[in-house]
């Protein structure tokens, strides 16, 4: 299983329901092994206006080799015109957890 490039993907969503819908879809399609969700406050400029928003942060644990499919799935379910979708590699971690993560993100053979 050495071909996996394990990482985390950060996505913010406008609502808890949207975050949960995205998370469940990613798990069901094996594009993620686990998604953690928590409320965050985001301050940023959008279309020339200062925004101060309550959002929901998704921390998606995945095999980054599937990033293109994950990004497409998130975009298809996301309400924002320009959603945050940022991938970060995992430099190190518990071997047992990383093995589990990799196993959970292996495409099903049908």
C-alpha atoms as a PDB file:
ATOM      1  CA  UNK A   1       0.000   0.000   0.000  1.00  0.00           C
ATOM      2  CA  UNK A   2       2.947   2.335  -0.398  1.00  0.00           C
ATOM      3  CA  UNK A   3       1.387   4.211  -3.334  1.00  0.00           C
ATOM      4  CA  UNK A   4      -0.916   6.283  -1.097  1.00  0.00           C
ATOM      5  CA  UNK A   5      -0.129   9.942  -0.485  1.00  0.00           C
ATOM      6  CA  UNK A   6      -2.010  10.545   2.742  1.00  0.00           C
ATOM      7  CA  UNK A   7      -3.134  14.010   3.736  1.00  0.00           C
ATOM      8  CA  UNK A   8      -5.855  16.254   5.042  1.00  0.00           C
ATOM      9  CA  UNK A   9      -8.109  18.541   3.036  1.00  0.00           C
ATOM     10  CA  UNK A  10      -9.646  21.655   4.559  1.00  0.00           C
ATOM     11  CA  UNK A  11     -13.086  22.777   3.397  1.00  0.00           C
ATOM     12  CA  UNK A  12     -15.415  25.340   4.971  1.00  0.00           C
ATOM     13  CA  UNK A  13     -19.184  25.136   4.544  1.00  0.00           C
ATOM     14  CA  UNK A  14     -21.951  27.656   5.139  1.00  0.00           C
ATOM     15  CA  UNK A  15     -24.028  25.385   7.388  1.00  0.00           C
ATOM     16  CA  UNK A  16     -23.743  22.328   9.581  1.00  0.00           C
ATOM     17  CA  UNK A  17     -26.143  20.467   7.288  1.00  0.00           C
ATOM     18  CA  UNK A  18     -24.034  21.242   4.222  1.00  0.00           C
ATOM     19  CA  UNK A  19     -20.871  20.128   6.054  1.00  0.00           C
ATOM     20  CA  UNK A  20     -22.529  16.886   7.154  1.00  0.00           C
ATOM     21  CA  UNK A  21     -23.845  16.203   3.634  1.00  0.00           C
ATOM     22  CA  UNK A  22     -20.380  16.691   2.127  1.00  0.00           C
ATOM     23  CA  UNK A  23     -18.755  14.529   4.820  1.00  0.00           C
ATOM     24  CA  UNK A  24     -21.214  11.662   4.422  1.00  0.00           C
ATOM     25  CA  UNK A  25     -20.850  11.687   0.646  1.00  0.00           C
ATOM     26  CA  UNK A  26     -17.044  11.600   0.848  1.00  0.00           C
ATOM     27  CA  UNK A  27     -17.143   8.663   3.280  1.00  0.00           C
ATOM     28  CA  UNK A  28     -19.744   6.761   1.237  1.00  0.00           C
ATOM     29  CA  UNK A  29     -17.652   7.085  -1.926  1.00  0.00           C
ATOM     30  CA  UNK A  30     -14.385   6.201  -0.141  1.00  0.00           C
ATOM     31  CA  UNK A  31     -12.915   9.610  -0.985  1.00  0.00           C
ATOM     32  CA  UNK A  32     -12.261  10.109   2.739  1.00  0.00           C
ATOM     33  CA  UNK A  33     -11.612   7.841   5.701  1.00  0.00           C
ATOM     34  CA  UNK A  34     -12.831  10.325   8.312  1.00  0.00           C
ATOM     35  CA  UNK A  35     -14.169  13.879   8.356  1.00  0.00           C
ATOM     36  CA  UNK A  36     -14.101  16.023  11.489  1.00  0.00           C
ATOM     37  CA  UNK A  37     -16.479  18.980  11.594  1.00  0.00           C
ATOM     38  CA  UNK A  38     -16.542  21.972  13.928  1.00  0.00           C
ATOM     39  CA  UNK A  39     -17.885  25.549  13.925  1.00  0.00           C
ATOM     40  CA  UNK A  40     -15.461  28.339  12.993  1.00  0.00           C
ATOM     41  CA  UNK A  41     -15.576  32.073  12.437  1.00  0.00           C
ATOM     42  CA  UNK A  42     -14.008  33.222   9.176  1.00  0.00           C
ATOM     43  CA  UNK A  43     -13.005  36.804   8.397  1.00  0.00           C
ATOM     44  CA  UNK A  44     -12.028  37.517   4.791  1.00  0.00           C
ATOM     45  CA  UNK A  45     -12.588  39.860   1.853  1.00  0.00           C
ATOM     46  CA  UNK A  46     -15.027  38.694  -0.820  1.00  0.00           C
ATOM     47  CA  UNK A  47     -15.900  40.786  -3.864  1.00  0.00           C
ATOM     48  CA  UNK A  48     -14.421  43.876  -2.210  1.00  0.00           C
ATOM     49  CA  UNK A  49     -16.412  43.514   1.022  1.00  0.00           C
ATOM     50  CA  UNK A  50     -15.113  42.508   4.447  1.00  0.00           C
ATOM     51  CA  UNK A  51     -16.941  39.348   5.504  1.00  0.00           C
ATOM     52  CA  UNK A  52     -17.297  37.993   9.049  1.00  0.00           C
ATOM     53  CA  UNK A  53     -19.026  34.608   8.807  1.00  0.00           C
ATOM     54  CA  UNK A  54     -19.942  31.681  10.999  1.00  0.00           C
ATOM     55  CA  UNK A  55     -18.962  28.588   9.016  1.00  0.00           C
ATOM     56  CA  UNK A  56     -18.321  24.896   9.525  1.00  0.00           C
ATOM     57  CA  UNK A  57     -14.780  23.575   9.044  1.00  0.00           C
ATOM     58  CA  UNK A  58     -14.315  20.118   7.584  1.00  0.00           C
ATOM     59  CA  UNK A  59     -10.999  18.345   8.224  1.00  0.00           C
ATOM     60  CA  UNK A  60     -10.977  15.536   5.678  1.00  0.00           C
ATOM     61  CA  UNK A  61      -8.492  12.676   6.096  1.00  0.00           C
ATOM     62  CA  UNK A  62      -7.812  11.092   2.712  1.00  0.00           C
ATOM     63  CA  UNK A  63      -5.448   9.705   0.091  1.00  0.00           C
ATOM     64  CA  UNK A  64      -4.403  12.781  -1.874  1.00  0.00           C
ATOM     65  CA  UNK A  65      -4.094  10.658  -5.021  1.00  0.00           C
ATOM     66  CA  UNK A  66      -7.899  11.006  -5.107  1.00  0.00           C
ATOM     67  CA  UNK A  67      -7.830  14.807  -4.711  1.00  0.00           C
ATOM     68  CA  UNK A  68      -9.334  15.549  -8.148  1.00  0.00           C
ATOM     69  CA  UNK A  69     -12.332  13.298  -7.453  1.00  0.00           C
ATOM     70  CA  UNK A  70     -12.691  14.680  -3.920  1.00  0.00           C
ATOM     71  CA  UNK A  71     -12.593  18.259  -5.211  1.00  0.00           C
ATOM     72  CA  UNK A  72     -15.235  17.472  -7.853  1.00  0.00           C
ATOM     73  CA  UNK A  73     -17.509  15.872  -5.239  1.00  0.00           C
ATOM     74  CA  UNK A  74     -17.139  18.822  -2.853  1.00  0.00           C
ATOM     75  CA  UNK A  75     -17.860  21.320  -5.650  1.00  0.00           C
ATOM     76  CA  UNK A  76     -20.969  19.374  -6.708  1.00  0.00           C
ATOM     77  CA  UNK A  77     -22.408  19.574  -3.159  1.00  0.00           C
ATOM     78  CA  UNK A  78     -21.144  23.000  -2.082  1.00  0.00           C
ATOM     79  CA  UNK A  79     -23.202  26.215  -2.047  1.00  0.00           C
ATOM     80  CA  UNK A  80     -20.260  28.631  -2.470  1.00  0.00           C
ATOM     81  CA  UNK A  81     -19.087  29.901  -5.853  1.00  0.00           C
ATOM     82  CA  UNK A  82     -15.493  29.515  -4.642  1.00  0.00           C
ATOM     83  CA  UNK A  83     -15.238  27.011  -1.799  1.00  0.00           C
ATOM     84  CA  UNK A  84     -12.075  26.573   0.233  1.00  0.00           C
ATOM     85  CA  UNK A  85     -10.500  23.253  -0.807  1.00  0.00           C
ATOM     86  CA  UNK A  86      -6.905  23.054   0.450  1.00  0.00           C
ATOM     87  CA  UNK A  87      -4.824  19.866   0.637  1.00  0.00           C
ATOM     88  CA  UNK A  88      -1.975  19.333   3.098  1.00  0.00           C
ATOM     89  CA  UNK A  89       0.252  16.242   3.189  1.00  0.00           C
ATOM     90  CA  UNK A  90       0.622  14.226   6.382  1.00  0.00           C
ATOM     91  CA  UNK A  91       4.355  14.249   7.180  1.00  0.00           C
ATOM     92  CA  UNK A  92       4.130  11.646   9.958  1.00  0.00           C
ATOM     93  CA  UNK A  93       1.553   9.820  12.045  1.00  0.00           C
ATOM     94  CA  UNK A  94       0.692   6.702  13.953  1.00  0.00           C
ATOM     95  CA  UNK A  95       1.463   3.772  11.641  1.00  0.00           C
ATOM     96  CA  UNK A  96      -1.701   1.924  12.662  1.00  0.00           C
ATOM     97  CA  UNK A  97      -3.900   4.992  12.030  1.00  0.00           C
ATOM     98  CA  UNK A  98      -2.256   5.722   8.675  1.00  0.00           C
ATOM     99  CA  UNK A  99      -2.736   2.082   7.622  1.00  0.00           C
ATOM    100  CA  UNK A 100      -6.428   2.360   8.559  1.00  0.00           C
ATOM    101  CA  UNK A 101      -6.756   5.657   6.660  1.00  0.00           C
ATOM    102  CA  UNK A 102      -5.230   4.133   3.565  1.00  0.00           C
ATOM    103  CA  UNK A 103      -7.432   1.037   3.774  1.00  0.00           C
ATOM    104  CA  UNK A 104     -10.591   3.142   4.116  1.00  0.00           C
ATOM    105  CA  UNK A 105      -9.818   5.177   0.996  1.00  0.00           C
ATOM    106  CA  UNK A 106      -9.129   2.266  -1.342  1.00  0.00           C
ATOM    107  CA  UNK A 107     -11.649   2.214  -4.183  1.00  0.00           C
ATOM    108  CA  UNK A 108     -14.057  -0.727  -4.053  1.00  0.00           C
ATOM    109  CA  UNK A 109     -13.461  -3.481  -6.574  1.00  0.00           C
ATOM    110  CA  UNK A 110     -16.721  -4.291  -8.322  1.00  0.00           C
END
